[in-house]
N, C-alpha and C. Protein backbone atom coordinates (compact mmCIF):
# COMPACT_ATOMS: atom_id res chain seq x y z
N MET A 1 194.87 105.26 44.55
CA MET A 1 196.00 104.80 44.07
C MET A 1 196.63 103.60 44.68
N VAL A 2 196.94 102.44 43.81
CA VAL A 2 198.01 101.53 44.56
C VAL A 2 199.20 101.77 44.58
N LYS A 3 199.40 101.83 46.18
CA LYS A 3 200.78 101.38 46.86
C LYS A 3 201.50 100.64 46.77
N GLU A 4 202.61 100.85 46.89
CA GLU A 4 203.98 99.64 47.02
C GLU A 4 203.64 99.40 48.98
N LEU A 5 203.86 97.45 48.19
CA LEU A 5 203.76 97.11 50.33
C LEU A 5 204.89 97.88 50.82
N MET A 6 205.09 97.57 52.21
CA MET A 6 206.01 98.46 52.57
C MET A 6 206.24 96.70 54.04
N HIS A 7 207.75 96.25 53.31
CA HIS A 7 208.20 95.15 53.30
C HIS A 7 209.56 95.19 55.46
N ASP A 8 209.39 96.22 55.46
CA ASP A 8 210.57 96.45 56.22
C ASP A 8 210.01 96.15 57.92
N PRO A 9 210.45 94.79 58.77
CA PRO A 9 210.12 94.75 60.11
C PRO A 9 210.27 95.66 61.04
N VAL A 10 211.20 96.76 60.99
CA VAL A 10 211.24 97.61 62.27
C VAL A 10 209.97 98.37 61.59
N PHE A 11 209.73 99.41 60.12
CA PHE A 11 208.86 99.72 60.38
C PHE A 11 208.03 99.66 60.55
N LEU A 12 206.81 98.43 60.61
CA LEU A 12 205.92 97.32 61.00
C LEU A 12 205.83 97.43 61.91
N ALA A 13 207.23 97.16 63.27
CA ALA A 13 206.49 97.05 64.30
C ALA A 13 206.10 98.33 64.58
N LYS A 14 206.81 99.54 64.39
CA LYS A 14 206.03 100.58 65.25
C LYS A 14 204.40 100.81 65.61
N LYS A 15 203.63 102.11 66.23
CA LYS A 15 202.52 101.39 66.73
C LYS A 15 202.39 103.13 65.89
N ALA A 16 200.38 102.34 64.99
CA ALA A 16 199.99 103.27 64.66
C ALA A 16 199.10 104.98 64.84
N GLU A 17 199.89 105.72 64.66
CA GLU A 17 198.94 106.71 65.02
C GLU A 17 197.27 106.65 64.65
N GLU A 18 195.82 107.78 65.85
CA GLU A 18 194.62 107.64 65.59
C GLU A 18 194.55 108.48 64.44
N ALA A 19 193.54 107.67 62.69
CA ALA A 19 193.02 108.54 62.18
C ALA A 19 192.43 109.43 62.63
N THR A 20 192.34 110.18 61.44
CA THR A 20 191.48 111.50 60.97
C THR A 20 190.94 111.86 59.77
N GLU A 21 190.09 112.67 59.48
CA GLU A 21 188.75 112.97 58.17
C GLU A 21 190.22 112.66 57.03
N ALA A 22 191.32 113.80 57.35
CA ALA A 22 192.84 114.04 56.75
C ALA A 22 192.93 112.99 55.87
N ASP A 23 192.85 111.07 56.70
CA ASP A 23 193.26 110.02 55.98
C ASP A 23 192.23 109.88 54.84
N ILE A 24 191.36 110.04 54.97
CA ILE A 24 190.65 109.48 53.86
C ILE A 24 191.04 108.44 51.99
N GLN A 25 191.76 109.46 51.77
CA GLN A 25 192.81 109.59 51.05
C GLN A 25 193.44 107.77 51.18
N THR A 26 194.15 107.99 51.85
CA THR A 26 194.91 106.75 52.79
C THR A 26 193.94 105.62 52.34
N ALA A 27 192.69 105.91 52.87
CA ALA A 27 191.34 104.42 53.05
C ALA A 27 191.92 104.21 51.68
N GLN A 28 191.39 104.98 51.18
CA GLN A 28 191.27 104.60 49.63
C GLN A 28 192.45 103.73 48.62
N ASP A 29 193.66 104.21 49.06
CA ASP A 29 194.25 104.40 49.07
C ASP A 29 195.15 102.74 48.98
N LEU A 30 194.31 102.88 50.13
CA LEU A 30 194.48 101.37 50.82
C LEU A 30 193.39 100.14 50.21
N LEU A 31 192.16 100.13 50.21
CA LEU A 31 191.44 99.31 49.80
C LEU A 31 191.73 99.50 47.99
N ASP A 32 192.20 100.40 47.24
CA ASP A 32 192.81 99.81 45.96
C ASP A 32 194.06 98.93 45.95
N THR A 33 195.30 99.28 46.63
CA THR A 33 195.96 98.02 46.69
C THR A 33 195.16 96.86 47.58
N LEU A 34 194.58 96.54 47.94
CA LEU A 34 193.58 95.02 49.22
C LEU A 34 193.75 95.25 47.33
N ILE A 35 192.81 95.85 46.38
CA ILE A 35 191.91 94.81 45.54
C ILE A 35 192.98 94.68 44.46
N ALA A 36 194.43 95.35 44.16
CA ALA A 36 194.76 94.72 43.77
C ALA A 36 195.52 93.52 43.72
N HIS A 37 195.47 93.08 45.15
CA HIS A 37 196.99 91.94 45.82
C HIS A 37 195.17 90.92 45.56
N GLU A 38 194.08 91.27 45.46
CA GLU A 38 193.17 90.08 45.54
C GLU A 38 192.88 88.79 45.60
N ASP A 39 194.09 88.08 45.24
CA ASP A 39 194.33 86.99 44.77
C ASP A 39 194.70 86.30 45.94
N GLU A 40 196.02 87.65 46.99
CA GLU A 40 195.84 86.49 47.92
C GLU A 40 196.47 87.47 48.67
N CYS A 41 196.08 88.06 48.89
CA CYS A 41 195.45 88.53 50.47
C CYS A 41 193.70 88.70 50.48
N VAL A 42 193.70 88.89 51.62
CA VAL A 42 191.72 89.46 52.02
C VAL A 42 192.12 90.42 53.28
N GLY A 43 193.26 90.97 53.69
CA GLY A 43 193.24 92.39 54.41
C GLY A 43 194.56 92.54 54.25
N MET A 44 194.56 94.13 54.77
CA MET A 44 195.63 94.85 54.56
C MET A 44 195.39 95.91 55.73
N ALA A 45 196.59 96.57 56.69
CA ALA A 45 196.94 97.76 57.45
C ALA A 45 196.99 98.94 57.02
N ALA A 46 196.74 99.71 56.92
CA ALA A 46 197.76 101.20 56.84
C ALA A 46 199.15 100.49 56.53
N ASN A 47 199.47 100.23 57.78
CA ASN A 47 201.11 100.13 57.73
C ASN A 47 202.15 99.57 56.36
N MET A 48 200.68 98.84 56.02
CA MET A 48 201.90 97.85 55.16
C MET A 48 201.75 99.07 53.83
N ILE A 49 201.18 99.57 53.64
CA ILE A 49 201.69 100.70 51.70
C ILE A 49 202.30 102.30 52.87
N GLY A 50 202.78 101.78 53.63
CA GLY A 50 204.07 103.20 54.87
C GLY A 50 203.07 104.06 54.85
N GLU A 51 201.83 104.04 56.06
CA GLU A 51 201.32 104.71 56.52
C GLU A 51 201.14 104.54 57.27
N LEU A 52 201.76 105.14 58.80
CA LEU A 52 201.60 104.76 60.29
C LEU A 52 199.95 105.51 60.27
N LYS A 53 199.33 104.39 60.49
CA LYS A 53 197.88 105.28 60.54
C LYS A 53 196.50 103.84 60.80
N ARG A 54 195.80 104.25 61.81
CA ARG A 54 195.01 103.00 62.33
C ARG A 54 193.73 102.40 61.24
N ILE A 55 194.73 102.06 60.66
CA ILE A 55 193.22 102.44 59.18
C ILE A 55 193.10 100.43 58.98
N ILE A 56 192.70 100.07 58.56
CA ILE A 56 192.39 98.45 58.87
C ILE A 56 191.49 98.57 56.96
N ALA A 57 192.02 97.44 56.09
CA ALA A 57 190.38 97.45 54.86
C ALA A 57 190.99 95.55 55.40
N PHE A 58 189.29 94.92 54.18
CA PHE A 58 189.32 93.50 54.69
C PHE A 58 187.84 93.50 53.73
N ASP A 59 188.32 92.03 53.57
CA ASP A 59 187.16 90.81 52.70
C ASP A 59 186.42 90.57 53.91
N ASN A 60 185.04 91.30 54.06
CA ASN A 60 184.13 90.75 55.18
C ASN A 60 183.09 90.27 54.00
N GLU A 61 183.31 89.15 54.63
CA GLU A 61 182.12 88.08 53.08
C GLU A 61 182.22 87.90 52.32
N GLY A 62 182.72 88.60 51.12
CA GLY A 62 182.92 88.71 49.86
C GLY A 62 182.24 90.64 50.16
N GLU A 63 182.59 91.40 50.35
CA GLU A 63 181.92 92.70 50.59
C GLU A 63 183.62 93.81 51.28
N TYR A 64 183.49 94.68 49.84
CA TYR A 64 185.16 95.17 51.09
C TYR A 64 185.19 95.88 51.87
N MET A 65 185.66 96.08 53.45
CA MET A 65 185.02 97.22 54.91
C MET A 65 186.38 97.84 55.00
N VAL A 66 185.58 98.81 54.88
CA VAL A 66 187.27 99.67 55.93
C VAL A 66 186.59 100.17 57.23
N MET A 67 187.71 100.40 57.85
CA MET A 67 187.80 100.70 59.84
C MET A 67 188.53 101.88 59.53
N PHE A 68 188.38 102.71 60.67
CA PHE A 68 189.54 103.55 61.25
C PHE A 68 189.25 103.70 62.69
N ASN A 69 190.60 104.09 63.07
CA ASN A 69 190.42 103.56 64.27
C ASN A 69 190.08 101.63 65.28
N PRO A 70 190.52 100.91 64.19
CA PRO A 70 189.88 99.41 65.06
C PRO A 70 190.01 99.21 66.23
N GLU A 71 189.36 98.76 67.20
CA GLU A 71 189.35 98.42 69.17
C GLU A 71 188.48 97.55 68.58
N ILE A 72 189.67 95.97 70.11
CA ILE A 72 189.05 95.04 69.46
C ILE A 72 188.53 95.34 70.92
N ILE A 73 187.10 95.38 71.51
CA ILE A 73 187.08 95.35 73.26
C ILE A 73 185.85 93.61 73.69
N LYS A 74 186.23 93.10 72.84
CA LYS A 74 185.79 91.55 73.64
C LYS A 74 186.36 90.72 72.76
N LYS A 75 186.30 89.95 72.98
CA LYS A 75 187.04 88.68 72.06
C LYS A 75 186.51 87.22 72.90
N SER A 76 186.20 86.30 72.28
CA SER A 76 185.46 85.73 72.95
C SER A 76 185.70 83.17 71.64
N GLU A 77 186.34 82.59 72.36
CA GLU A 77 186.97 81.51 72.04
C GLU A 77 187.90 81.93 71.17
N PRO A 78 189.51 81.28 72.21
CA PRO A 78 190.92 81.16 71.73
C PRO A 78 190.76 79.64 70.57
N TYR A 79 191.60 80.12 69.86
CA TYR A 79 192.04 79.00 69.29
C TYR A 79 193.62 79.15 68.33
N GLU A 80 194.08 78.32 68.23
CA GLU A 80 195.78 78.22 67.75
C GLU A 80 195.41 78.11 66.06
N THR A 81 195.99 79.27 64.51
CA THR A 81 196.49 78.94 63.82
C THR A 81 197.30 79.39 63.45
N GLU A 82 197.67 78.78 61.38
CA GLU A 82 198.09 79.74 60.79
C GLU A 82 198.22 80.97 60.43
N GLU A 83 199.37 82.15 59.38
CA GLU A 83 198.42 82.67 59.10
C GLU A 83 199.63 83.28 58.17
N SER A 84 199.95 84.33 56.50
CA SER A 84 200.89 84.46 56.12
C SER A 84 200.62 86.49 56.04
N CYS A 85 201.88 86.98 55.81
CA CYS A 85 201.35 88.04 55.49
C CYS A 85 201.79 88.80 54.30
N LEU A 86 201.93 88.80 53.70
CA LEU A 86 202.21 90.01 52.55
C LEU A 86 203.42 90.78 52.49
N SER A 87 203.47 91.10 53.85
CA SER A 87 204.25 92.21 54.69
C SER A 87 205.76 91.50 54.36
N LEU A 88 205.60 90.10 54.69
CA LEU A 88 206.70 89.70 55.83
C LEU A 88 207.21 88.90 54.98
N LEU A 89 207.92 87.93 54.55
CA LEU A 89 208.88 87.23 53.90
C LEU A 89 208.62 85.53 54.88
N GLY A 90 208.61 84.19 53.71
CA GLY A 90 208.43 82.83 54.54
C GLY A 90 207.09 82.93 54.82
N GLY A 91 206.43 81.48 55.15
CA GLY A 91 206.23 81.08 55.21
C GLY A 91 205.04 81.91 56.03
N PRO A 92 203.51 80.17 56.66
CA PRO A 92 203.13 80.68 58.05
C PRO A 92 203.20 80.23 59.01
N ARG A 93 203.57 81.22 59.82
CA ARG A 93 203.49 81.13 61.05
C ARG A 93 202.18 81.39 62.36
N LYS A 94 202.45 80.39 63.51
CA LYS A 94 201.71 79.90 64.30
C LYS A 94 201.15 81.15 65.11
N THR A 95 199.65 81.06 64.84
CA THR A 95 199.07 82.56 65.97
C THR A 95 198.53 81.88 66.89
N LYS A 96 197.70 82.72 67.89
CA LYS A 96 196.29 82.01 68.01
C LYS A 96 195.40 83.58 68.20
N ARG A 97 193.94 82.71 67.82
CA ARG A 97 192.94 83.73 67.67
C ARG A 97 191.54 84.36 68.06
N TYR A 98 190.60 84.65 68.01
CA TYR A 98 190.12 84.71 69.04
C TYR A 98 188.62 83.84 67.75
N LYS A 99 188.16 82.62 67.86
CA LYS A 99 186.48 82.90 67.07
C LYS A 99 185.27 83.84 66.79
N SER A 100 185.21 85.18 68.27
CA SER A 100 184.21 85.75 67.99
C SER A 100 184.99 86.76 68.20
N ILE A 101 184.89 87.94 67.80
CA ILE A 101 185.17 89.40 68.96
C ILE A 101 184.18 90.51 68.16
N LYS A 102 183.87 91.37 69.10
CA LYS A 102 183.60 92.85 68.91
C LYS A 102 184.46 93.91 69.30
N VAL A 103 184.21 94.82 68.38
CA VAL A 103 184.84 95.82 67.84
C VAL A 103 184.41 97.30 67.93
N ARG A 104 184.75 98.01 68.47
CA ARG A 104 185.03 99.10 68.19
C ARG A 104 185.84 100.15 67.20
N TYR A 105 184.70 101.05 66.27
CA TYR A 105 185.70 101.68 64.90
C TYR A 105 184.34 102.57 64.93
N GLN A 106 185.87 103.11 63.40
CA GLN A 106 184.79 104.42 62.75
C GLN A 106 184.24 104.03 61.70
N ASN A 107 183.86 104.78 60.83
CA ASN A 107 182.63 104.24 59.46
C ASN A 107 183.93 105.05 59.04
N GLU A 108 183.73 105.47 57.33
CA GLU A 108 184.47 106.97 56.44
C GLU A 108 183.54 107.66 56.91
N LYS A 109 182.83 107.62 57.40
CA LYS A 109 181.74 109.01 57.94
C LYS A 109 182.63 109.68 59.63
N PHE A 110 183.15 108.69 59.70
CA PHE A 110 183.54 108.70 61.40
C PHE A 110 182.77 108.76 62.23
N GLN A 111 181.77 107.87 62.19
CA GLN A 111 180.73 107.23 62.67
C GLN A 111 181.00 106.21 63.85
N THR A 112 181.15 106.15 65.56
CA THR A 112 181.62 105.06 65.99
C THR A 112 180.48 103.58 65.96
N ARG A 113 181.22 102.81 65.58
CA ARG A 113 179.90 102.02 65.24
C ARG A 113 180.66 100.70 66.01
N ILE A 114 180.01 99.89 66.79
CA ILE A 114 180.34 98.79 67.40
C ILE A 114 179.99 97.55 66.31
N LYS A 115 180.72 95.88 66.05
CA LYS A 115 180.02 94.84 66.16
C LYS A 115 180.39 93.29 65.97
N THR A 116 179.62 92.96 66.09
CA THR A 116 180.41 91.32 66.56
C THR A 116 180.91 90.73 64.99
N PHE A 117 182.53 90.29 65.03
CA PHE A 117 181.94 89.28 64.02
C PHE A 117 182.72 87.87 63.97
N LYS A 118 182.75 86.96 63.46
CA LYS A 118 182.82 85.63 63.94
C LYS A 118 184.01 85.49 62.74
N ASP A 119 184.65 83.45 63.40
CA ASP A 119 185.18 82.95 62.56
C ASP A 119 186.02 83.69 61.34
N PHE A 120 185.95 83.54 60.13
CA PHE A 120 187.71 84.15 59.17
C PHE A 120 187.77 85.76 59.58
N THR A 121 186.03 86.04 58.99
CA THR A 121 186.60 87.79 59.34
C THR A 121 187.43 87.50 60.15
N ALA A 122 186.74 87.71 61.39
CA ALA A 122 187.11 88.06 62.67
C ALA A 122 188.97 87.56 62.88
N GLN A 123 189.16 86.71 62.29
CA GLN A 123 190.23 86.62 62.33
C GLN A 123 191.16 87.26 61.39
N ILE A 124 190.62 87.84 60.43
CA ILE A 124 191.33 88.47 58.94
C ILE A 124 191.38 89.62 59.97
N ILE A 125 190.54 90.63 61.26
CA ILE A 125 190.21 91.60 61.91
C ILE A 125 191.32 91.29 62.83
N GLN A 126 191.74 90.57 63.07
CA GLN A 126 192.18 90.17 64.28
C GLN A 126 194.10 90.73 63.52
N HIS A 127 193.92 89.90 62.59
CA HIS A 127 195.53 89.73 62.15
C HIS A 127 195.42 91.76 61.49
N GLU A 128 194.89 92.65 61.79
CA GLU A 128 194.67 94.13 60.66
C GLU A 128 195.57 94.94 61.90
N ALA A 129 194.17 94.48 63.01
CA ALA A 129 194.46 95.00 64.06
C ALA A 129 195.85 95.17 64.72
N ASP A 130 196.42 93.77 65.18
CA ASP A 130 197.61 93.58 65.02
C ASP A 130 198.64 94.89 64.53
N HIS A 131 198.39 94.97 63.50
CA HIS A 131 199.14 95.46 62.54
C HIS A 131 198.93 97.05 63.04
N CYS A 132 198.27 97.71 62.99
CA CYS A 132 197.52 98.94 63.81
C CYS A 132 198.34 99.23 65.12
N ASN A 133 198.76 97.81 65.55
CA ASN A 133 199.35 97.50 67.22
C ASN A 133 201.14 97.42 66.93
N GLY A 134 201.58 97.68 66.05
CA GLY A 134 202.64 96.62 65.65
C GLY A 134 203.50 95.80 66.14
N ILE A 135 202.47 94.32 65.92
CA ILE A 135 202.22 93.52 65.67
C ILE A 135 202.41 92.76 65.11
N LEU A 136 203.84 92.06 65.13
CA LEU A 136 203.82 91.04 63.75
C LEU A 136 203.81 89.64 63.94
N ILE A 137 203.01 88.31 63.66
CA ILE A 137 203.49 87.52 63.53
C ILE A 137 204.42 87.33 63.13
């Protein structure tokens, strides 16, 4: 189900709790909401729909992907960029990102996976992982 977007910076600055199998519907709602905003958004975290759970959904080179409990365990090649966010008013903000990241996460069956992502996909994941940690750009 498509959910309303959260814009409260106090709520968005809270750290999310670990996701469990009980949060599968939240992940589906997050994905539905991302798809509904596909013209203006490439990734979302669950707190953006009012759920303080460590779940992200994003466009992974043309296919949507959901991660439960993502954790960036390695990063390399830092660079400066500008990003916008549907949850925050105002224009793009400067931020530091990494061209390559290694992420430990759980898939929809809650199996742990480790995968390396690069370039724009890595940037999207970093932005959404920041949301899970209460970090706003």
